[in-house]
C-alpha cells in the first residue's frame, strides 16, 4: 500500500471512529518497530454494542470507498474487535480489555 496511502487510510479510520463517538482514539505509527503493519489504531467503546458499532462503521464506510478488510477477529465477543487492513490494523476495545492488554503502552514505547 505504501506509507503515504497507509497514513491516509489511518487518518480516514480515525475520522470515522471519532464521528461515531469512539473514545481515546490513538493512531500509532509502528512501521519502524515491526513488519506487521504501518499503523495501529486503538479506540475504546463504552459497551459491546458500541464496540461492534464502531467496527461496523469503519468496515461499512471503507467498503463504500473500495477498501475491504483482510480479516475481522473478535466480533462475536464484542470486547475486542480487530479489523485488519494489512498496513493499518484497527483495535476497538471495551475499556477493561484495553487496560488489560495495554497495546498503547506496548507500541508507543
PDB file of N, CA and C in Angstrom:
ATOM      1  N   UNK A   1       0.824  -1.201   0.000  1.00  0.00           N
ATOM      2  CA  UNK A   1       0.000   0.000   0.000  1.00  0.00           C
ATOM      3  C   UNK A   1       0.862   1.256   0.000  1.00  0.00           C
ATOM      4  N   UNK A   2       2.012   1.232   0.632  1.00  0.00           N
ATOM      5  CA  UNK A   2       2.863   2.406   0.688  1.00  0.00           C
ATOM      6  C   UNK A   2       2.554   3.251   1.917  1.00  0.00           C
ATOM      7  N   UNK A   3       3.598   3.895   2.424  1.00  0.00           N
ATOM      8  CA  UNK A   3       3.466   4.650   3.674  1.00  0.00           C
ATOM      9  C   UNK A   3       2.465   5.794   3.527  1.00  0.00           C
ATOM     10  N   UNK A   4       2.527   6.548   2.443  1.00  0.00           N
ATOM     11  CA  UNK A   4       1.624   7.696   2.288  1.00  0.00           C
ATOM     12  C   UNK A   4       0.170   7.245   2.271  1.00  0.00           C
ATOM     13  N   UNK A   5      -0.126   6.180   1.544  1.00  0.00           N
ATOM     14  CA  UNK A   5      -1.519   5.733   1.479  1.00  0.00           C
ATOM     15  C   UNK A   5      -1.952   5.047   2.774  1.00  0.00           C
ATOM     16  N   UNK A   6      -1.033   4.393   3.489  1.00  0.00           N
ATOM     17  CA  UNK A   6      -1.424   3.813   4.770  1.00  0.00           C
ATOM     18  C   UNK A   6      -1.672   4.924   5.793  1.00  0.00           C
ATOM     19  N   UNK A   7      -0.912   6.008   5.714  1.00  0.00           N
ATOM     20  CA  UNK A   7      -1.152   7.156   6.601  1.00  0.00           C
ATOM     21  C   UNK A   7      -2.522   7.780   6.298  1.00  0.00           C
ATOM     22  N   UNK A   8      -2.848   7.893   5.034  1.00  0.00           N
ATOM     23  CA  UNK A   8      -4.150   8.438   4.630  1.00  0.00           C
ATOM     24  C   UNK A   8      -5.288   7.541   5.138  1.00  0.00           C
ATOM     25  N   UNK A   9      -5.118   6.229   5.005  1.00  0.00           N
ATOM     26  CA  UNK A   9      -6.121   5.289   5.491  1.00  0.00           C
ATOM     27  C   UNK A   9      -6.266   5.398   7.007  1.00  0.00           C
ATOM     28  N   UNK A  10      -5.154   5.498   7.721  1.00  0.00           N
ATOM     29  CA  UNK A  10      -5.199   5.633   9.180  1.00  0.00           C
ATOM     30  C   UNK A  10      -5.964   6.890   9.583  1.00  0.00           C
ATOM     31  N   UNK A  11      -5.719   7.989   8.904  1.00  0.00           N
ATOM     32  CA  UNK A  11      -6.434   9.241   9.214  1.00  0.00           C
ATOM     33  C   UNK A  11      -7.926   9.113   8.916  1.00  0.00           C
ATOM     34  N   UNK A  12      -8.257   8.426   7.837  1.00  0.00           N
ATOM     35  CA  UNK A  12      -9.672   8.233   7.492  1.00  0.00           C
ATOM     36  C   UNK A  12     -10.370   7.391   8.567  1.00  0.00           C
ATOM     37  N   UNK A  13      -9.723   6.336   9.012  1.00  0.00           N
ATOM     38  CA  UNK A  13     -10.300   5.485  10.054  1.00  0.00           C
ATOM     39  C   UNK A  13     -10.471   6.283  11.349  1.00  0.00           C
ATOM     40  N   UNK A  14      -9.482   7.097  11.681  1.00  0.00           N
ATOM     41  CA  UNK A  14      -9.591   7.940  12.877  1.00  0.00           C
ATOM     42  C   UNK A  14     -10.810   8.855  12.778  1.00  0.00           C
ATOM     43  N   UNK A  15     -11.035   9.446  11.607  1.00  0.00           N
ATOM     44  CA  UNK A  15     -12.201  10.313  11.401  1.00  0.00           C
ATOM     45  C   UNK A  15     -13.507   9.547  11.612  1.00  0.00           C
ATOM     46  N   UNK A  16     -13.567   8.341  11.069  1.00  0.00           N
ATOM     47  CA  UNK A  16     -14.782   7.524  11.186  1.00  0.00           C
ATOM     48  C   UNK A  16     -15.050   7.201  12.656  1.00  0.00           C
ATOM     49  N   UNK A  17     -14.030   6.750  13.370  1.00  0.00           N
ATOM     50  CA  UNK A  17     -14.198   6.403  14.778  1.00  0.00           C
ATOM     51  C   UNK A  17     -14.611   7.621  15.599  1.00  0.00           C
ATOM     52  N   UNK A  18     -14.017   8.753  15.311  1.00  0.00           N
ATOM     53  CA  UNK A  18     -14.357   9.986  16.023  1.00  0.00           C
ATOM     54  C   UNK A  18     -15.802  10.401  15.747  1.00  0.00           C
ATOM     55  N   UNK A  19     -16.234  10.241  14.509  1.00  0.00           N
ATOM     56  CA  UNK A  19     -17.608  10.642  14.145  1.00  0.00           C
ATOM     57  C   UNK A  19     -18.656   9.779  14.844  1.00  0.00           C
ATOM     58  N   UNK A  20     -18.269   8.570  15.258  1.00  0.00           N
ATOM     59  CA  UNK A  20     -19.187   7.667  15.963  1.00  0.00           C
ATOM     60  C   UNK A  20     -18.935   7.674  17.471  1.00  0.00           C
ATOM     61  N   UNK A  21     -18.239   8.683  17.944  1.00  0.00           N
ATOM     62  CA  UNK A  21     -18.012   8.891  19.382  1.00  0.00           C
ATOM     63  C   UNK A  21     -17.109   7.841  20.027  1.00  0.00           C
ATOM     64  N   UNK A  22     -16.159   7.303  19.249  1.00  0.00           N
ATOM     65  CA  UNK A  22     -15.152   6.431  19.839  1.00  0.00           C
ATOM     66  C   UNK A  22     -14.324   7.230  20.838  1.00  0.00           C
ATOM     67  N   UNK A  23     -13.892   6.596  21.896  1.00  0.00           N
ATOM     68  CA  UNK A  23     -13.158   7.289  22.963  1.00  0.00           C
ATOM     69  C   UNK A  23     -11.661   6.980  22.895  1.00  0.00           C
ATOM     70  N   UNK A  24     -10.867   7.964  23.311  1.00  0.00           N
ATOM     71  CA  UNK A  24      -9.405   7.800  23.442  1.00  0.00           C
ATOM     72  C   UNK A  24      -8.774   7.166  22.206  1.00  0.00           C
ATOM     73  N   UNK A  25      -9.047   7.735  21.049  1.00  0.00           N
ATOM     74  CA  UNK A  25      -8.517   7.192  19.795  1.00  0.00           C
ATOM     75  C   UNK A  25      -7.022   7.502  19.702  1.00  0.00           C
ATOM     76  N   UNK A  26      -6.241   6.458  19.482  1.00  0.00           N
ATOM     77  CA  UNK A  26      -4.789   6.577  19.314  1.00  0.00           C
ATOM     78  C   UNK A  26      -4.414   6.045  17.935  1.00  0.00           C
ATOM     79  N   UNK A  27      -3.657   6.824  17.185  1.00  0.00           N
ATOM     80  CA  UNK A  27      -3.086   6.364  15.918  1.00  0.00           C
ATOM     81  C   UNK A  27      -1.586   6.244  16.165  1.00  0.00           C
ATOM     82  N   UNK A  28      -1.087   5.024  16.123  1.00  0.00           N
ATOM     83  CA  UNK A  28       0.312   4.764  16.470  1.00  0.00           C
ATOM     84  C   UNK A  28       1.069   4.272  15.236  1.00  0.00           C
ATOM     85  N   UNK A  29       2.091   5.016  14.857  1.00  0.00           N
ATOM     86  CA  UNK A  29       2.937   4.625  13.740  1.00  0.00           C
ATOM     87  C   UNK A  29       3.905   3.555  14.247  1.00  0.00           C
ATOM     88  N   UNK A  30       3.789   2.357  13.692  1.00  0.00           N
ATOM     89  CA  UNK A  30       4.630   1.234  14.142  1.00  0.00           C
ATOM     90  C   UNK A  30       5.557   0.724  13.039  1.00  0.00           C
ATOM     91  N   UNK A  31       5.646   1.454  11.928  1.00  0.00           N
ATOM     92  CA  UNK A  31       6.420   0.965  10.783  1.00  0.00           C
ATOM     93  C   UNK A  31       7.888   0.734  11.100  1.00  0.00           C
ATOM     94  N   UNK A  32       8.451   1.476  12.051  1.00  0.00           N
ATOM     95  CA  UNK A  32       9.862   1.311  12.422  1.00  0.00           C
ATOM     96  C   UNK A  32      10.063   0.167  13.425  1.00  0.00           C
ATOM     97  N   UNK A  33       8.955  -0.338  14.017  1.00  0.00           N
ATOM     98  CA  UNK A  33       9.052  -1.319  15.089  1.00  0.00           C
ATOM     99  C   UNK A  33       8.728  -2.745  14.659  1.00  0.00           C
ATOM    100  N   UNK A  34       7.985  -2.894  13.560  1.00  0.00           N
ATOM    101  CA  UNK A  34       7.548  -4.221  13.140  1.00  0.00           C
ATOM    102  C   UNK A  34       7.194  -4.215  11.659  1.00  0.00           C
ATOM    103  N   UNK A  35       7.164  -5.405  11.080  1.00  0.00           N
ATOM    104  CA  UNK A  35       6.710  -5.523   9.692  1.00  0.00           C
ATOM    105  C   UNK A  35       5.231  -5.898   9.620  1.00  0.00           C
ATOM    106  N   UNK A  36       4.600  -6.028  10.780  1.00  0.00           N
ATOM    107  CA  UNK A  36       3.192  -6.444  10.845  1.00  0.00           C
ATOM    108  C   UNK A  36       2.278  -5.444  10.153  1.00  0.00           C
ATOM    109  N   UNK A  37       2.529  -4.149  10.363  1.00  0.00           N
ATOM    110  CA  UNK A  37       1.691  -3.095   9.799  1.00  0.00           C
ATOM    111  C   UNK A  37       2.451  -1.781   9.893  1.00  0.00           C
ATOM    112  N   UNK A  38       1.886  -0.737   9.291  1.00  0.00           N
ATOM    113  CA  UNK A  38       2.456   0.605   9.413  1.00  0.00           C
ATOM    114  C   UNK A  38       1.821   1.362  10.576  1.00  0.00           C
ATOM    115  N   UNK A  39       0.519   1.103  10.807  1.00  0.00           N
ATOM    116  CA  UNK A  39      -0.212   1.812  11.856  1.00  0.00           C
ATOM    117  C   UNK A  39      -1.111   0.872  12.635  1.00  0.00           C
ATOM    118  N   UNK A  40      -1.197   1.110  13.927  1.00  0.00           N
ATOM    119  CA  UNK A  40      -2.236   0.541  14.780  1.00  0.00           C
ATOM    120  C   UNK A  40      -3.143   1.696  15.175  1.00  0.00           C
ATOM    121  N   UNK A  41      -4.422   1.462  15.088  1.00  0.00           N
ATOM    122  CA  UNK A  41      -5.388   2.430  15.590  1.00  0.00           C
ATOM    123  C   UNK A  41      -6.107   1.748  16.740  1.00  0.00           C
ATOM    124  N   UNK A  42      -6.107   2.409  17.884  1.00  0.00           N
ATOM    125  CA  UNK A  42      -6.701   1.853  19.092  1.00  0.00           C
ATOM    126  C   UNK A  42      -7.796   2.800  19.553  1.00  0.00           C
ATOM    127  N   UNK A  43      -8.950   2.224  19.883  1.00  0.00           N
ATOM    128  CA  UNK A  43     -10.121   3.018  20.241  1.00  0.00           C
ATOM    129  C   UNK A  43     -10.926   2.270  21.291  1.00  0.00           C
ATOM    130  N   UNK A  44     -11.629   3.019  22.133  1.00  0.00           N
ATOM    131  CA  UNK A  44     -12.458   2.421  23.171  1.00  0.00           C
ATOM    132  C   UNK A  44     -13.927   2.708  22.898  1.00  0.00           C
ATOM    133  N   UNK A  45     -14.740   1.675  23.098  1.00  0.00           N
ATOM    134  CA  UNK A  45     -16.192   1.817  23.080  1.00  0.00           C
ATOM    135  C   UNK A  45     -16.719   1.623  24.489  1.00  0.00           C
ATOM    136  N   UNK A  46     -17.874   2.193  24.781  1.00  0.00           N
ATOM    137  CA  UNK A  46     -18.411   2.151  26.139  1.00  0.00           C
ATOM    138  C   UNK A  46     -19.245   0.906  26.433  1.00  0.00           C
ATOM    139  N   UNK A  47     -19.569   0.129  25.407  1.00  0.00           N
ATOM    140  CA  UNK A  47     -20.357  -1.098  25.571  1.00  0.00           C
ATOM    141  C   UNK A  47     -20.038  -2.021  24.403  1.00  0.00           C
ATOM    142  N   UNK A  48     -20.429  -3.288  24.519  1.00  0.00           N
ATOM    143  CA  UNK A  48     -20.202  -4.209  23.399  1.00  0.00           C
ATOM    144  C   UNK A  48     -20.977  -3.738  22.167  1.00  0.00           C
ATOM    145  N   UNK A  49     -22.121  -3.142  22.382  1.00  0.00           N
ATOM    146  CA  UNK A  49     -22.905  -2.612  21.257  1.00  0.00           C
ATOM    147  C   UNK A  49     -22.135  -1.505  20.543  1.00  0.00           C
ATOM    148  N   UNK A  50     -21.539  -0.600  21.312  1.00  0.00           N
ATOM    149  CA  UNK A  50     -20.775   0.476  20.678  1.00  0.00           C
ATOM    150  C   UNK A  50     -19.502  -0.053  20.031  1.00  0.00           C
ATOM    151  N   UNK A  51     -18.826  -1.004  20.681  1.00  0.00           N
ATOM    152  CA  UNK A  51     -17.618  -1.585  20.080  1.00  0.00           C
ATOM    153  C   UNK A  51     -17.958  -2.172  18.709  1.00  0.00           C
ATOM    154  N   UNK A  52     -19.042  -2.946  18.646  1.00  0.00           N
ATOM    155  CA  UNK A  52     -19.466  -3.519  17.363  1.00  0.00           C
ATOM    156  C   UNK A  52     -19.869  -2.432  16.381  1.00  0.00           C
ATOM    157  N   UNK A  53     -20.565  -1.408  16.869  1.00  0.00           N
ATOM    158  CA  UNK A  53     -20.992  -0.308  16.007  1.00  0.00           C
ATOM    159  C   UNK A  53     -19.818   0.457  15.418  1.00  0.00           C
ATOM    160  N   UNK A  54     -18.783   0.683  16.214  1.00  0.00           N
ATOM    161  CA  UNK A  54     -17.584   1.365  15.716  1.00  0.00           C
ATOM    162  C   UNK A  54     -16.903   0.541  14.632  1.00  0.00           C
ATOM    163  N   UNK A  55     -16.722  -0.746  14.890  1.00  0.00           N
ATOM    164  CA  UNK A  55     -16.099  -1.623  13.893  1.00  0.00           C
ATOM    165  C   UNK A  55     -16.959  -1.703  12.630  1.00  0.00           C
ATOM    166  N   UNK A  56     -18.272  -1.834  12.818  1.00  0.00           N
ATOM    167  CA  UNK A  56     -19.190  -1.900  11.671  1.00  0.00           C
ATOM    168  C   UNK A  56     -19.094  -0.650  10.804  1.00  0.00           C
ATOM    169  N   UNK A  57     -19.029   0.503  11.446  1.00  0.00           N
ATOM    170  CA  UNK A  57     -18.984   1.767  10.695  1.00  0.00           C
ATOM    171  C   UNK A  57     -17.701   1.880   9.880  1.00  0.00           C
ATOM    172  N   UNK A  58     -16.580   1.488  10.469  1.00  0.00           N
ATOM    173  CA  UNK A  58     -15.311   1.511   9.731  1.00  0.00           C
ATOM    174  C   UNK A  58     -15.420   0.600   8.505  1.00  0.00           C
ATOM    175  N   UNK A  59     -15.871  -0.632   8.714  1.00  0.00           N
ATOM    176  CA  UNK A  59     -15.971  -1.593   7.614  1.00  0.00           C
ATOM    177  C   UNK A  59     -16.951  -1.104   6.548  1.00  0.00           C
ATOM    178  N   UNK A  60     -18.107  -0.615   6.962  1.00  0.00           N
ATOM    179  CA  UNK A  60     -19.146  -0.157   6.036  1.00  0.00           C
ATOM    180  C   UNK A  60     -18.655   1.008   5.180  1.00  0.00           C
ATOM    181  N   UNK A  61     -18.129   2.046   5.826  1.00  0.00           N
ATOM    182  CA  UNK A  61     -17.721   3.232   5.064  1.00  0.00           C
ATOM    183  C   UNK A  61     -16.518   2.961   4.183  1.00  0.00           C
ATOM    184  N   UNK A  62     -15.555   2.189   4.682  1.00  0.00           N
ATOM    185  CA  UNK A  62     -14.391   1.900   3.838  1.00  0.00           C
ATOM    186  C   UNK A  62     -14.751   0.979   2.681  1.00  0.00           C
ATOM    187  N   UNK A  63     -15.711   0.099   2.888  1.00  0.00           N
ATOM    188  CA  UNK A  63     -16.168  -0.758   1.796  1.00  0.00           C
ATOM    189  C   UNK A  63     -16.767   0.104   0.681  1.00  0.00           C
ATOM    190  N   UNK A  64     -17.506   1.147   1.071  1.00  0.00           N
ATOM    191  CA  UNK A  64     -18.069   2.077   0.091  1.00  0.00           C
ATOM    192  C   UNK A  64     -16.969   2.814  -0.672  1.00  0.00           C
ATOM    193  N   UNK A  65     -15.808   2.949  -0.030  1.00  0.00           N
ATOM    194  CA  UNK A  65     -14.671   3.637  -0.653  1.00  0.00           C
ATOM    195  C   UNK A  65     -13.724   2.650  -1.352  1.00  0.00           C
ATOM    196  N   UNK A  66     -14.141   1.378  -1.434  1.00  0.00           N
ATOM    197  CA  UNK A  66     -13.360   0.383  -2.160  1.00  0.00           C
ATOM    198  C   UNK A  66     -12.315  -0.359  -1.356  1.00  0.00           C
ATOM    199  N   UNK A  67     -12.345  -0.236  -0.028  1.00  0.00           N
ATOM    200  CA  UNK A  67     -11.374  -0.925   0.828  1.00  0.00           C
ATOM    201  C   UNK A  67     -12.067  -2.026   1.607  1.00  0.00           C
ATOM    202  N   UNK A  68     -11.598  -3.247   1.424  1.00  0.00           N
ATOM    203  CA  UNK A  68     -12.124  -4.409   2.146  1.00  0.00           C
ATOM    204  C   UNK A  68     -11.110  -4.844   3.197  1.00  0.00           C
ATOM    205  N   UNK A  69     -11.545  -5.195   4.395  1.00  0.00           N
ATOM    206  CA  UNK A  69     -10.583  -5.703   5.374  1.00  0.00           C
ATOM    207  C   UNK A  69     -10.096  -7.095   4.976  1.00  0.00           C
ATOM    208  N   UNK A  70      -8.848  -7.391   5.315  1.00  0.00           N
ATOM    209  CA  UNK A  70      -8.302  -8.724   5.067  1.00  0.00           C
ATOM    210  C   UNK A  70      -8.961  -9.733   5.999  1.00  0.00           C
ATOM    211  N   UNK A  71      -9.242  -9.288   7.240  1.00  0.00           N
ATOM    212  CA  UNK A  71      -9.953 -10.150   8.190  1.00  0.00           C
ATOM    213  C   UNK A  71     -10.486  -9.311   9.343  1.00  0.00           C
ATOM    214  N   UNK A  72     -11.453  -9.892  10.025  1.00  0.00           N
ATOM    215  CA  UNK A  72     -12.035  -9.292  11.223  1.00  0.00           C
ATOM    216  C   UNK A  72     -12.028 -10.373  12.298  1.00  0.00           C
ATOM    217  N   UNK A  73     -11.514 -10.044  13.469  1.00  0.00           N
ATOM    218  CA  UNK A  73     -11.438 -11.001  14.577  1.00  0.00           C
ATOM    219  C   UNK A  73     -12.164 -10.438  15.792  1.00  0.00           C
ATOM    220  N   UNK A  74     -12.758 -11.308  16.585  1.00  0.00           N
ATOM    221  CA  UNK A  74     -13.337 -10.925  17.862  1.00  0.00           C
ATOM    222  C   UNK A  74     -14.724 -10.327  17.821  1.00  0.00           C
ATOM    223  N   UNK A  75     -15.347 -10.335  16.652  1.00  0.00           N
ATOM    224  CA  UNK A  75     -16.642  -9.655  16.527  1.00  0.00           C
ATOM    225  C   UNK A  75     -17.700 -10.276  17.443  1.00  0.00           C
ATOM    226  N   UNK A  76     -17.705 -11.581  17.557  1.00  0.00           N
ATOM    227  CA  UNK A  76     -18.740 -12.238  18.366  1.00  0.00           C
ATOM    228  C   UNK A  76     -18.690 -11.835  19.833  1.00  0.00           C
ATOM    229  N   UNK A  77     -17.489 -11.647  20.376  1.00  0.00           N
ATOM    230  CA  UNK A  77     -17.383 -11.269  21.792  1.00  0.00           C
ATOM    231  C   UNK A  77     -17.723  -9.799  21.997  1.00  0.00           C
ATOM    232  N   UNK A  78     -17.314  -8.964  21.072  1.00  0.00           N
ATOM    233  CA  UNK A  78     -17.596  -7.537  21.181  1.00  0.00           C
ATOM    234  C   UNK A  78     -16.784  -6.817  22.231  1.00  0.00           C
ATOM    235  N   UNK A  79     -15.809  -7.496  22.853  1.00  0.00           N
ATOM    236  CA  UNK A  79     -14.991  -6.822  23.858  1.00  0.00           C
ATOM    237  C   UNK A  79     -13.674  -6.315  23.259  1.00  0.00           C
ATOM    238  N   UNK A  80     -13.213  -6.953  22.178  1.00  0.00           N
ATOM    239  CA  UNK A  80     -12.031  -6.509  21.445  1.00  0.00           C
ATOM    240  C   UNK A  80     -12.212  -6.978  20.009  1.00  0.00           C
ATOM    241  N   UNK A  81     -12.426  -6.040  19.131  1.00  0.00           N
ATOM    242  CA  UNK A  81     -12.572  -6.361  17.709  1.00  0.00           C
ATOM    243  C   UNK A  81     -11.358  -5.822  16.972  1.00  0.00           C
ATOM    244  N   UNK A  82     -10.761  -6.686  16.179  1.00  0.00           N
ATOM    245  CA  UNK A  82      -9.620  -6.325  15.358  1.00  0.00           C
ATOM    246  C   UNK A  82     -10.077  -6.321  13.901  1.00  0.00           C
ATOM    247  N   UNK A  83      -9.854  -5.222  13.214  1.00  0.00           N
ATOM    248  CA  UNK A  83     -10.162  -5.114  11.788  1.00  0.00           C
ATOM    249  C   UNK A  83      -8.836  -4.872  11.080  1.00  0.00           C
ATOM    250  N   UNK A  84      -8.439  -5.819  10.259  1.00  0.00           N
ATOM    251  CA  UNK A  84      -7.113  -5.818   9.641  1.00  0.00           C
ATOM    252  C   UNK A  84      -7.182  -5.362   8.192  1.00  0.00           C
ATOM    253  N   UNK A  85      -6.594  -4.188   7.939  1.00  0.00           N
ATOM    254  CA  UNK A  85      -6.454  -3.687   6.581  1.00  0.00           C
ATOM    255  C   UNK A  85      -5.005  -3.847   6.106  1.00  0.00           C
ATOM    256  N   UNK A  86      -4.304  -4.811   6.655  1.00  0.00           N
ATOM    257  CA  UNK A  86      -2.916  -5.164   6.365  1.00  0.00           C
ATOM    258  C   UNK A  86      -1.933  -4.093   6.835  1.00  0.00           C
ATOM    259  N   UNK A  87      -1.872  -2.948   6.193  1.00  0.00           N
ATOM    260  CA  UNK A  87      -0.945  -1.898   6.618  1.00  0.00           C
ATOM    261  C   UNK A  87      -1.478  -1.088   7.790  1.00  0.00           C
ATOM    262  N   UNK A  88      -2.784  -1.158   8.003  1.00  0.00           N
ATOM    263  CA  UNK A  88      -3.427  -0.466   9.116  1.00  0.00           C
ATOM    264  C   UNK A  88      -4.318  -1.480   9.839  1.00  0.00           C
ATOM    265  N   UNK A  89      -4.083  -1.629  11.147  1.00  0.00           N
ATOM    266  CA  UNK A  89      -4.854  -2.574  11.946  1.00  0.00           C
ATOM    267  C   UNK A  89      -5.625  -1.781  12.998  1.00  0.00           C
ATOM    268  N   UNK A  90      -6.934  -1.992  13.021  1.00  0.00           N
ATOM    269  CA  UNK A  90      -7.817  -1.274  13.932  1.00  0.00           C
ATOM    270  C   UNK A  90      -8.167  -2.188  15.104  1.00  0.00           C
ATOM    271  N   UNK A  91      -8.001  -1.665  16.325  1.00  0.00           N
ATOM    272  CA  UNK A  91      -8.356  -2.386  17.547  1.00  0.00           C
ATOM    273  C   UNK A  91      -9.435  -1.573  18.253  1.00  0.00           C
ATOM    274  N   UNK A  92     -10.627  -2.132  18.401  1.00  0.00           N
ATOM    275  CA  UNK A  92     -11.696  -1.458  19.129  1.00  0.00           C
ATOM    276  C   UNK A  92     -11.975  -2.284  20.382  1.00  0.00           C
ATOM    277  N   UNK A  93     -11.797  -1.665  21.533  1.00  0.00           N
ATOM    278  CA  UNK A  93     -11.847  -2.346  22.827  1.00  0.00           C
ATOM    279  C   UNK A  93     -12.961  -1.815  23.720  1.00  0.00           C
ATOM    280  N   UNK A  94     -13.404  -2.661  24.648  1.00  0.00           N
ATOM    281  CA  UNK A  94     -14.042  -2.176  25.858  1.00  0.00           C
ATOM    282  C   UNK A  94     -12.914  -1.638  26.747  1.00  0.00           C
ATOM    283  N   UNK A  95     -13.222  -0.705  27.628  1.00  0.00           N
ATOM    284  CA  UNK A  95     -12.189  -0.101  28.474  1.00  0.00           C
ATOM    285  C   UNK A  95     -11.400  -1.145  29.264  1.00  0.00           C
ATOM    286  N   UNK A  96     -12.092  -2.115  29.856  1.00  0.00           N
ATOM    287  CA  UNK A  96     -11.409  -3.124  30.674  1.00  0.00           C
ATOM    288  C   UNK A  96     -10.419  -3.939  29.844  1.00  0.00           C
ATOM    289  N   UNK A  97     -10.785  -4.290  28.633  1.00  0.00           N
ATOM    290  CA  UNK A  97      -9.885  -5.057  27.758  1.00  0.00           C
ATOM    291  C   UNK A  97      -8.692  -4.206  27.327  1.00  0.00           C
ATOM    292  N   UNK A  98      -8.965  -2.949  27.017  1.00  0.00           N
ATOM    293  CA  UNK A  98      -7.882  -2.055  26.595  1.00  0.00           C
ATOM    294  C   UNK A  98      -6.860  -1.893  27.711  1.00  0.00           C
ATOM    295  N   UNK A  99      -7.332  -1.710  28.927  1.00  0.00           N
ATOM    296  CA  UNK A  99      -6.419  -1.568  30.057  1.00  0.00           C
ATOM    297  C   UNK A  99      -5.629  -2.853  30.289  1.00  0.00           C
ATOM    298  N   UNK A 100      -6.283  -3.996  30.172  1.00  0.00           N
ATOM    299  CA  UNK A 100      -5.628  -5.274  30.414  1.00  0.00           C
ATOM    300  C   UNK A 100      -4.495  -5.523  29.412  1.00  0.00           C
ATOM    301  N   UNK A 101      -4.762  -5.307  28.129  1.00  0.00           N
ATOM    302  CA  UNK A 101      -3.769  -5.616  27.103  1.00  0.00           C
ATOM    303  C   UNK A 101      -2.752  -4.498  26.884  1.00  0.00           C
ATOM    304  N   UNK A 102      -3.083  -3.281  27.224  1.00  0.00           N
ATOM    305  CA  UNK A 102      -2.163  -2.127  27.175  1.00  0.00           C
ATOM    306  C   UNK A 102      -1.385  -2.002  25.854  1.00  0.00           C
ATOM    307  N   UNK A 103      -2.052  -2.182  24.744  1.00  0.00           N
ATOM    308  CA  UNK A 103      -1.366  -2.059  23.456  1.00  0.00           C
ATOM    309  C   UNK A 103      -0.790  -0.668  23.265  1.00  0.00           C
ATOM    310  N   UNK A 104      -1.490   0.348  23.779  1.00  0.00           N
ATOM    311  CA  UNK A 104      -0.998   1.722  23.649  1.00  0.00           C
ATOM    312  C   UNK A 104       0.413   1.826  24.205  1.00  0.00           C
ATOM    313  N   UNK A 105       0.595   1.356  25.439  1.00  0.00           N
ATOM    314  CA  UNK A 105       1.887   1.452  26.103  1.00  0.00           C
ATOM    315  C   UNK A 105       2.933   0.582  25.406  1.00  0.00           C
ATOM    316  N   UNK A 106       2.537  -0.595  25.010  1.00  0.00           N
ATOM    317  CA  UNK A 106       3.455  -1.522  24.363  1.00  0.00           C
ATOM    318  C   UNK A 106       4.029  -0.930  23.069  1.00  0.00           C
ATOM    319  N   UNK A 107       3.165  -0.396  22.214  1.00  0.00           N
ATOM    320  CA  UNK A 107       3.594   0.051  20.907  1.00  0.00           C
ATOM    321  C   UNK A 107       4.078   1.487  20.866  1.00  0.00           C
ATOM    322  N   UNK A 108       3.734   2.304  21.852  1.00  0.00           N
ATOM    323  CA  UNK A 108       4.221   3.684  21.886  1.00  0.00           C
ATOM    324  C   UNK A 108       5.598   3.772  22.534  1.00  0.00           C
ATOM    325  N   UNK A 109       5.990   2.740  23.249  1.00  0.00           N
ATOM    326  CA  UNK A 109       7.283   2.776  23.972  1.00  0.00           C
ATOM    327  C   UNK A 109       8.459   2.836  23.020  1.00  0.00           C
TER     328      UNK A 109
END
